[in-house]
Amino acid sequence: MSKDAFFISGLGHMAFQLAWAGFESGLFSLLYHNGWTEKNKIKDELELPENSLTIILMGLVSLSLLQREERDGGIFYGLSTDMKDIFDSFPIEKWYAIARLHYFVIYDALCCGFESFKAGKNLGLSRIPGEGVTLYEKFQNNETLRNLFYGFMQAISDMANKELAASGVWDEVNVLLDVGGGNGANAIAIAKHHPHIKVIIYDLPATCEKAKEVIEKEGLADRVSVFSGDFFKDEFPSGVDGILFAHIMTIWSQEKNLFLLKKAFDSLTPGGRAFVFNMVSKDDETGPLMCTLSNVYFLAIASGEGMIYKKGEYLKWFEESGFSALESLDFPFYHALLSGKK
């Protein structure tokens, strides 16, 4: 372990504020679109006090997010090679949407991190306004929180969902149930790539209303519909030969995930297939870093019981639920699509 890794762990809250300043001030966008820029030009563009700008620039260079050069009588700054690659592979606006939820919702709630670890409960949720025992219940009646979360999930989905929607795994599915389908990002993308398929979004009432608006806007109301309910308490719609759980099982305990897969097995038509699409941790529990850090969010805020599970755990649950012909496909940003046939 390097000393810098220890310092970032101890001062991570300050590192995040510097990264947030890069997004919120427009600094990252300026350097991404304009390339190397002289410090005085940055100051004029961002309209920040000089001392504040110096602190931000020094911090981001030390974090290896920016580079600094002295030339032509001035001091110039540019994105690091890694940061440019990150923004090239995934639009900066999407990373900004992810950062927004962290800044306005997650950041404050994580002050209860150790208390949550000790209690095994999402005690950080108490710092977020609204009623409910999970974050997802709270945003049902909080439009501001709901919109922040939708922007966050849309960005997370877009990281890997382009390849998910285009995948050939949907060729043999005629009616797909998208459990916890949110505002319809997955359903719409899959429907657009596969004209033969019909998709049903299954989610809570307020979420389904939002999904309806998006579906109508996309002109897909003839093939994408909604089904309102609580997927733990209510029955799944009948007549489906595909059931998708995308970014759902990280929220819940192993027992609840096994319950959902067994419910999916009972609901599918013979020969149908259940799919789980999530980020996955390494089976040896050593990473990836993005996954292991995200586990804190699921325990301390989201539900108090979930995490980013290992690929081997999902495959075991499929087997225990009665599925056979198990398959696993890897996707960008540490995602995997795991599936089993009834």
Protein backbone atom coordinates (compact mmCIF):
# COMPACT_ATOMS: atom_id res chain seq x y z
CA MET A 1 0.00 0.00 0.00
CA SER A 2 1.30 3.47 -0.85
CA LYS A 3 1.20 6.34 1.62
CA ASP A 4 -0.94 8.29 -0.84
CA ALA A 5 -3.57 5.52 -0.77
CA PHE A 6 -3.73 5.86 3.02
CA PHE A 7 -3.98 9.65 2.83
CA ILE A 8 -6.78 9.46 0.25
CA SER A 9 -8.64 7.02 2.52
CA GLY A 10 -8.32 9.39 5.47
CA LEU A 11 -8.97 12.58 3.53
CA GLY A 12 -11.36 11.18 0.94
CA HIS A 13 -14.09 13.62 1.90
CA MET A 14 -11.79 16.48 0.89
CA ALA A 15 -10.77 14.72 -2.32
CA PHE A 16 -14.44 14.40 -3.26
CA GLN A 17 -15.01 18.13 -2.71
CA LEU A 18 -12.16 18.87 -5.12
CA ALA A 19 -13.59 16.49 -7.73
CA TRP A 20 -17.07 17.98 -7.25
CA ALA A 21 -15.60 21.46 -7.76
CA GLY A 22 -14.14 20.22 -11.05
CA PHE A 23 -17.60 19.24 -12.24
CA GLU A 24 -19.72 22.00 -10.72
CA SER A 25 -17.43 24.89 -11.70
CA GLY A 26 -17.17 23.67 -15.28
CA LEU A 27 -13.41 23.13 -15.00
CA PHE A 28 -13.44 19.54 -16.25
CA SER A 29 -15.69 20.47 -19.15
CA LEU A 30 -13.53 23.46 -20.06
CA LEU A 31 -10.32 21.41 -20.15
CA TYR A 32 -11.95 18.50 -21.94
CA HIS A 33 -13.30 20.65 -24.76
CA ASN A 34 -10.49 23.23 -24.97
CA GLY A 35 -7.44 21.17 -24.04
CA TRP A 36 -4.48 22.74 -22.21
CA THR A 37 -5.54 26.15 -20.84
CA GLU A 38 -3.56 28.91 -19.18
CA LYS A 39 -4.43 29.58 -15.52
CA ASN A 40 -5.55 33.19 -16.03
CA LYS A 41 -7.87 32.05 -18.83
CA ILE A 42 -9.34 29.43 -16.49
CA LYS A 43 -9.87 32.10 -13.83
CA ASP A 44 -11.67 34.35 -16.29
CA GLU A 45 -13.88 31.52 -17.59
CA LEU A 46 -14.86 30.11 -14.19
CA GLU A 47 -15.06 33.40 -12.29
CA LEU A 48 -13.58 31.91 -9.13
CA PRO A 49 -11.47 33.79 -6.55
CA GLU A 50 -7.80 33.26 -7.32
CA ASN A 51 -7.03 31.54 -4.01
CA SER A 52 -9.97 29.17 -4.43
CA LEU A 53 -8.90 28.31 -7.97
CA THR A 54 -5.33 27.66 -6.83
CA ILE A 55 -6.52 25.26 -4.11
CA ILE A 56 -8.74 23.39 -6.58
CA LEU A 57 -6.02 23.14 -9.23
CA MET A 58 -3.32 22.07 -6.77
CA GLY A 59 -5.60 19.42 -5.30
CA LEU A 60 -6.69 17.98 -8.63
CA VAL A 61 -3.10 17.83 -9.88
CA SER A 62 -2.07 16.02 -6.67
CA LEU A 63 -4.93 13.56 -7.22
CA SER A 64 -3.63 12.95 -10.77
CA LEU A 65 -6.89 14.19 -12.29
CA LEU A 66 -5.14 17.17 -13.91
CA GLN A 67 -1.67 17.93 -15.28
CA ARG A 68 0.32 21.18 -14.86
CA GLU A 69 2.98 22.68 -17.13
CA GLU A 70 4.96 25.92 -17.06
CA ARG A 71 5.66 27.22 -20.57
CA ASP A 72 5.52 30.35 -22.72
CA GLY A 73 5.65 32.49 -19.60
CA GLY A 74 2.48 31.02 -18.14
CA ILE A 75 1.08 28.11 -16.12
CA PHE A 76 -1.11 25.70 -18.09
CA TYR A 77 -3.47 22.95 -16.96
CA GLY A 78 -4.95 19.99 -18.79
CA LEU A 79 -6.76 16.77 -18.00
CA SER A 80 -4.58 13.80 -17.09
CA THR A 81 -4.38 11.08 -19.73
CA ASP A 82 -6.56 8.78 -17.61
CA MET A 83 -9.23 11.44 -17.10
CA LYS A 84 -9.35 12.21 -20.81
CA ASP A 85 -9.74 8.50 -21.53
CA ILE A 86 -12.57 8.28 -18.98
CA PHE A 87 -14.45 11.21 -20.54
CA ASP A 88 -13.79 9.88 -24.04
CA SER A 89 -15.32 6.52 -23.15
CA PHE A 90 -18.29 7.94 -21.26
CA PRO A 91 -19.66 11.51 -21.61
CA ILE A 92 -18.64 14.01 -18.97
CA GLU A 93 -22.30 14.97 -18.48
CA LYS A 94 -23.05 11.42 -17.30
CA TRP A 95 -20.25 11.50 -14.74
CA TYR A 96 -21.63 14.85 -13.57
CA ALA A 97 -25.05 13.23 -13.02
CA ILE A 98 -23.41 10.54 -10.89
CA ALA A 99 -21.51 13.16 -8.90
CA ARG A 100 -24.72 15.16 -8.32
CA LEU A 101 -26.43 12.34 -6.40
CA HIS A 102 -23.28 11.80 -4.38
CA TYR A 103 -23.01 15.50 -3.53
CA PHE A 104 -26.66 16.23 -2.70
CA VAL A 105 -27.72 12.89 -1.18
CA ILE A 106 -25.04 10.29 -0.50
CA TYR A 107 -22.23 12.45 0.84
CA ASP A 108 -24.00 13.68 3.98
CA ALA A 109 -25.65 10.33 4.73
CA LEU A 110 -22.31 8.50 4.72
CA CYS A 111 -21.31 10.26 7.94
CA CYS A 112 -23.19 7.38 9.60
CA GLY A 113 -21.02 4.79 7.87
CA PHE A 114 -19.43 3.08 10.85
CA GLU A 115 -22.63 3.23 12.88
CA SER A 116 -24.33 1.45 9.97
CA PHE A 117 -21.57 -1.18 9.87
CA LYS A 118 -21.91 -1.77 13.60
CA ALA A 119 -25.70 -2.02 13.53
CA GLY A 120 -25.95 -3.80 10.19
CA LYS A 121 -28.59 -1.25 9.16
CA ASN A 122 -28.83 1.74 6.82
CA LEU A 123 -28.67 4.39 9.55
CA GLY A 124 -27.49 6.99 7.05
CA LEU A 125 -30.97 7.00 5.52
CA SER A 126 -32.24 9.02 8.50
CA ARG A 127 -30.33 12.04 7.16
CA ILE A 128 -32.35 12.02 3.94
CA PRO A 129 -35.81 13.65 4.08
CA GLY A 130 -38.94 11.61 3.47
CA GLU A 131 -40.72 8.50 4.68
CA GLY A 132 -39.54 4.96 4.08
CA VAL A 133 -37.08 2.31 5.23
CA THR A 134 -35.12 2.28 1.95
CA LEU A 135 -33.86 5.07 -0.27
CA TYR A 136 -36.18 3.86 -3.03
CA GLU A 137 -39.26 4.25 -0.86
CA LYS A 138 -38.20 7.76 0.11
CA PHE A 139 -37.86 9.04 -3.44
CA GLN A 140 -41.38 7.87 -4.35
CA ASN A 141 -42.74 10.96 -2.60
CA ASN A 142 -39.82 13.32 -3.16
CA GLU A 143 -39.59 14.62 -6.72
CA THR A 144 -36.22 16.34 -6.27
CA LEU A 145 -34.64 13.20 -4.84
CA ARG A 146 -36.37 11.07 -7.46
CA ASN A 147 -35.00 13.15 -10.33
CA LEU A 148 -31.48 13.09 -8.91
CA PHE A 149 -31.70 9.32 -8.57
CA TYR A 150 -33.11 8.84 -12.08
CA GLY A 151 -30.24 10.92 -13.49
CA PHE A 152 -27.77 8.82 -11.52
CA MET A 153 -29.28 5.49 -12.59
CA GLN A 154 -29.59 6.61 -16.22
CA ALA A 155 -25.88 7.38 -16.20
CA ILE A 156 -24.97 4.08 -14.52
CA SER A 157 -27.18 2.21 -16.98
CA ASP A 158 -25.68 3.98 -19.99
CA MET A 159 -22.21 2.82 -18.98
CA ALA A 160 -22.95 -0.74 -20.03
CA ASN A 161 -26.50 -0.86 -21.33
CA LYS A 162 -25.69 0.00 -24.94
CA GLU A 163 -24.01 -3.37 -25.28
CA LEU A 164 -26.66 -5.03 -23.12
CA ALA A 165 -29.49 -3.87 -25.38
CA ALA A 166 -27.65 -4.89 -28.54
CA SER A 167 -26.81 -8.35 -27.19
CA GLY A 168 -28.13 -11.41 -28.99
CA VAL A 169 -29.44 -12.90 -25.73
CA TRP A 170 -32.81 -11.24 -26.42
CA ASP A 171 -33.31 -12.91 -29.79
CA GLU A 172 -35.28 -15.80 -28.29
CA VAL A 173 -37.29 -13.67 -25.82
CA ASN A 174 -40.74 -12.50 -26.91
CA VAL A 175 -42.16 -10.94 -23.74
CA LEU A 176 -39.63 -9.54 -21.26
CA LEU A 177 -40.51 -8.48 -17.70
CA ASP A 178 -38.12 -5.74 -16.50
CA VAL A 179 -38.34 -6.00 -12.70
CA GLY A 180 -37.57 -2.68 -11.03
CA GLY A 181 -37.27 -1.16 -14.49
CA GLY A 182 -37.35 2.45 -13.28
CA ASN A 183 -38.05 5.08 -15.92
CA GLY A 184 -37.61 2.55 -18.72
CA ALA A 185 -33.98 2.99 -19.81
CA ASN A 186 -33.37 -0.74 -20.23
CA ALA A 187 -36.80 -1.56 -21.62
CA ILE A 188 -36.68 1.16 -24.25
CA ALA A 189 -33.12 0.36 -25.34
CA ILE A 190 -33.89 -3.36 -25.69
CA ALA A 191 -37.15 -2.69 -27.54
CA LYS A 192 -35.39 -0.39 -30.01
CA HIS A 193 -32.72 -2.97 -30.80
CA HIS A 194 -35.13 -5.91 -31.04
CA PRO A 195 -38.36 -5.00 -32.88
CA HIS A 196 -39.95 -8.39 -32.17
CA ILE A 197 -39.88 -8.04 -28.38
CA LYS A 198 -42.47 -6.64 -25.97
CA VAL A 199 -41.31 -5.35 -22.59
CA ILE A 200 -43.23 -4.86 -19.35
CA ILE A 201 -41.73 -2.52 -16.74
CA TYR A 202 -42.60 -3.66 -13.21
CA ASP A 203 -42.08 -1.01 -10.53
CA LEU A 204 -43.74 1.11 -7.84
CA PRO A 205 -46.63 3.43 -8.86
CA ALA A 206 -44.78 6.79 -8.96
CA THR A 207 -41.96 5.22 -10.95
CA CYS A 208 -44.39 3.66 -13.43
CA GLU A 209 -46.00 7.04 -14.04
CA LYS A 210 -42.61 8.49 -14.92
CA ALA A 211 -41.88 5.51 -17.16
CA LYS A 212 -45.16 6.05 -19.04
CA GLU A 213 -44.08 9.58 -19.94
CA VAL A 214 -40.74 8.37 -21.28
CA ILE A 215 -42.36 5.51 -23.23
CA GLU A 216 -44.85 7.87 -24.87
CA LYS A 217 -42.08 10.31 -25.76
CA GLU A 218 -40.13 7.47 -27.42
CA GLY A 219 -43.20 6.32 -29.37
CA LEU A 220 -43.04 2.78 -28.00
CA ALA A 221 -46.37 2.50 -26.19
CA ASP A 222 -47.39 -0.36 -28.49
CA ARG A 223 -44.50 -2.55 -27.29
CA VAL A 224 -43.42 -1.21 -23.89
CA SER A 225 -45.94 -1.11 -21.02
CA VAL A 226 -45.92 -0.76 -17.24
CA PHE A 227 -47.16 -2.97 -14.43
CA SER A 228 -47.46 -1.27 -11.04
CA GLY A 229 -46.83 -3.20 -7.86
CA ASP A 230 -44.45 -4.39 -5.16
CA PHE A 231 -42.44 -7.22 -6.68
CA PHE A 232 -41.81 -8.79 -3.27
CA LYS A 233 -45.49 -8.91 -2.34
CA ASP A 234 -47.40 -8.99 -5.63
CA GLU A 235 -47.43 -11.61 -8.35
CA PHE A 236 -45.39 -11.28 -11.53
CA PRO A 237 -47.44 -10.88 -14.73
CA SER A 238 -48.13 -14.17 -16.50
CA GLY A 239 -47.09 -15.17 -20.01
CA VAL A 240 -43.52 -13.86 -19.93
CA ASP A 241 -40.60 -15.88 -21.30
CA GLY A 242 -37.89 -13.52 -20.05
CA ILE A 243 -37.40 -11.77 -16.70
CA LEU A 244 -34.68 -9.17 -16.20
CA PHE A 245 -33.31 -7.96 -12.86
CA ALA A 246 -31.03 -5.04 -13.77
CA HIS A 247 -29.26 -3.18 -10.95
CA ILE A 248 -31.77 -4.67 -8.51
CA MET A 249 -30.09 -7.49 -6.62
CA THR A 250 -27.29 -5.31 -5.26
CA ILE A 251 -29.95 -3.64 -3.13
CA TRP A 252 -31.20 -6.71 -1.29
CA SER A 253 -29.97 -9.51 0.95
CA GLN A 254 -29.00 -12.92 -0.37
CA GLU A 255 -32.24 -14.38 1.03
CA LYS A 256 -34.39 -11.83 -0.82
CA ASN A 257 -32.48 -12.31 -4.06
CA LEU A 258 -32.97 -16.06 -3.85
CA PHE A 259 -36.67 -15.44 -3.22
CA LEU A 260 -36.89 -13.27 -6.36
CA LEU A 261 -35.12 -15.84 -8.54
CA LYS A 262 -37.38 -18.64 -7.28
CA LYS A 263 -40.39 -16.41 -7.97
CA ALA A 264 -39.04 -15.76 -11.47
CA PHE A 265 -38.61 -19.50 -12.07
CA ASP A 266 -42.23 -20.16 -11.06
CA SER A 267 -43.53 -17.30 -13.24
CA LEU A 268 -41.65 -17.99 -16.47
CA THR A 269 -43.15 -20.02 -19.26
CA PRO A 270 -41.33 -23.35 -19.91
CA GLY A 271 -38.02 -22.70 -21.65
CA GLY A 272 -37.99 -19.09 -20.48
CA ARG A 273 -34.89 -17.45 -19.10
CA ALA A 274 -34.15 -15.15 -16.13
CA PHE A 275 -31.39 -12.54 -16.42
CA VAL A 276 -29.42 -10.66 -13.76
CA PHE A 277 -27.44 -7.59 -14.87
CA ASN A 278 -25.23 -5.95 -12.25
CA MET A 279 -21.75 -4.89 -11.39
CA VAL A 280 -19.99 -7.91 -9.90
CA SER A 281 -17.16 -8.29 -7.41
CA LYS A 282 -14.24 -10.66 -7.88
CA ASP A 283 -14.80 -14.11 -6.45
CA ASP A 284 -11.60 -13.77 -4.38
CA GLU A 285 -13.06 -10.60 -2.74
CA THR A 286 -10.14 -8.34 -3.78
CA GLY A 287 -12.03 -5.79 -5.89
CA PRO A 288 -12.64 -4.09 -8.24
CA LEU A 289 -12.20 -0.89 -6.23
CA MET A 290 -15.28 0.76 -7.75
CA CYS A 291 -17.37 -2.19 -6.54
CA THR A 292 -15.91 -2.55 -3.07
CA LEU A 293 -16.34 1.16 -2.34
CA SER A 294 -19.92 1.11 -3.62
CA ASN A 295 -20.78 -1.54 -1.04
CA VAL A 296 -20.76 1.17 1.63
CA TYR A 297 -23.64 2.93 -0.13
CA PHE A 298 -25.83 -0.18 -0.19
CA LEU A 299 -25.33 -0.95 3.49
CA ALA A 300 -25.31 2.55 4.99
CA ILE A 301 -27.98 4.21 2.83
CA ALA A 302 -29.83 2.24 0.17
CA SER A 303 -31.34 -0.67 2.08
CA GLY A 304 -29.01 -1.76 4.87
CA GLU A 305 -28.68 -5.26 3.47
CA GLY A 306 -27.25 -5.31 -0.05
CA MET A 307 -23.83 -5.18 -1.67
CA ILE A 308 -22.17 -5.83 -5.03
CA TYR A 309 -22.14 -9.61 -4.96
CA LYS A 310 -19.67 -11.99 -6.54
CA LYS A 311 -20.39 -13.68 -9.86
CA GLY A 312 -20.16 -17.10 -8.22
CA GLU A 313 -22.89 -16.17 -5.73
CA TYR A 314 -25.34 -15.32 -8.51
CA LEU A 315 -24.67 -18.58 -10.32
CA LYS A 316 -25.23 -20.50 -7.08
CA TRP A 317 -28.59 -18.76 -6.57
CA PHE A 318 -29.67 -19.64 -10.11
CA GLU A 319 -28.92 -23.30 -9.45
CA GLU A 320 -30.70 -23.27 -6.09
CA SER A 321 -33.76 -21.73 -7.77
CA GLY A 322 -34.02 -24.58 -10.27
CA PHE A 323 -32.46 -22.98 -13.36
CA SER A 324 -30.17 -24.82 -15.74
CA ALA A 325 -28.08 -23.94 -18.83
CA LEU A 326 -26.43 -21.11 -16.87
CA GLU A 327 -24.60 -18.42 -18.84
CA SER A 328 -22.36 -15.50 -17.93
CA LEU A 329 -21.31 -12.61 -20.18
CA ASP A 330 -18.96 -9.79 -19.17
CA PHE A 331 -19.75 -6.13 -19.95
CA PRO A 332 -17.95 -2.79 -19.49
CA PHE A 333 -17.50 -1.12 -16.10
CA TYR A 334 -17.33 -4.39 -14.16
CA HIS A 335 -20.82 -5.50 -15.22
CA ALA A 336 -21.94 -9.03 -16.01
CA LEU A 337 -25.12 -10.54 -17.41
CA LEU A 338 -25.91 -13.86 -15.76
CA SER A 339 -28.82 -16.02 -16.80
CA GLY A 340 -30.49 -19.39 -16.38
CA LYS A 341 -33.14 -21.36 -18.29
CA LYS A 342 -36.32 -22.88 -16.89
